[in-house]
Amino acid sequence: MYTPMVEKSKLDEDKEGKAVDPSHYRGMIGTLLYLTASRPDLQFAICMYAWYQARPTEKHLHAVKRIFRYLRGTVNWGQWYPKDSSISLTAFADADHIGCQDTRRSTSGSLQFLRDRLISWSSKRQKSDAISSTEAEYIALSGCCAQILWMRSQLSDYGLGFNKIPMYCDNKSAIALWCNNVQHSRSNHIDIRFHFIKEYVENGVIELYFVNTEYQLEDIFTKALGRERIEFLINKLGMRSFTLETLKQLTDEVDE
């Protein structure tokens, strides 16, 4: 199995589907949840399937079993953190508008790098309805900003200061809303708690940049992707196969 999810698939409650043992389903989800701390390629799939623990059906169970089959073929994969003396913060944010088929709410995804090392990632269903893809991305940027500011605060305890932290998004309209000081009809209905990032943009703490969808690393946390796309993204995220052969190659690269 080359992907944890069927490409472009979206699950729903499956109200007409045949119910399965919820205890068994919850046990499988509980086992997989531990992996979200070390396997970013599984985060989106596991978090999505975890929503259906109250009344799982055969369709949900089949989807979860696919993750286990995927794991069987990628059991040696994990995050590789090479030795590096330089430190810088970078962040990516994305959203899948109306990604949830049941609530019609969007999914936010964010990831943060310390230089080239992925150190934080998330995939969460948004708590409010977004009426447009721009609004969904706007909310996702807010969540990503909150995380990067917390990391900045923690690193300051070690004497490390960061400003002009680049944050990448593939929605130009959302970036324009963040950088535009004038409140207008496109954003006046959005909850005030999402507007705090503007202050940090104005003060030069955060810098927003547009990134083409092809290089949006956040896609793996908001969408069910195909094999080629997943392989491209997990490589960019720093995942490697830790077989004896590849470990030797990686350590040789570090020694060079």
Foldseek 3Di string as FASTA:
>chain_A
DQALADAQDADALPVVAAWDDLVVVVVLLVVCVVCVQWDVLCQQQSVRLVVNSVTDHPVSVVSSVSNVVNCVVQVQKTFDDFDDDAWAKAKEKAKDQLRHPYPSFIKIKMWMDTVQATDDIHIGTDPDHDPDRLSRRLQNVLVRVVVVVVVQVVVVVVVDHAFQHEYEYADPSNVCVLQDPDDDDVPPVPDPSSNPVSVRVVVRRYDYDYDHPLPRLRCSRGGRRDNVSSVVSCVSNRMDRPDPVVVVVVVVVSVD
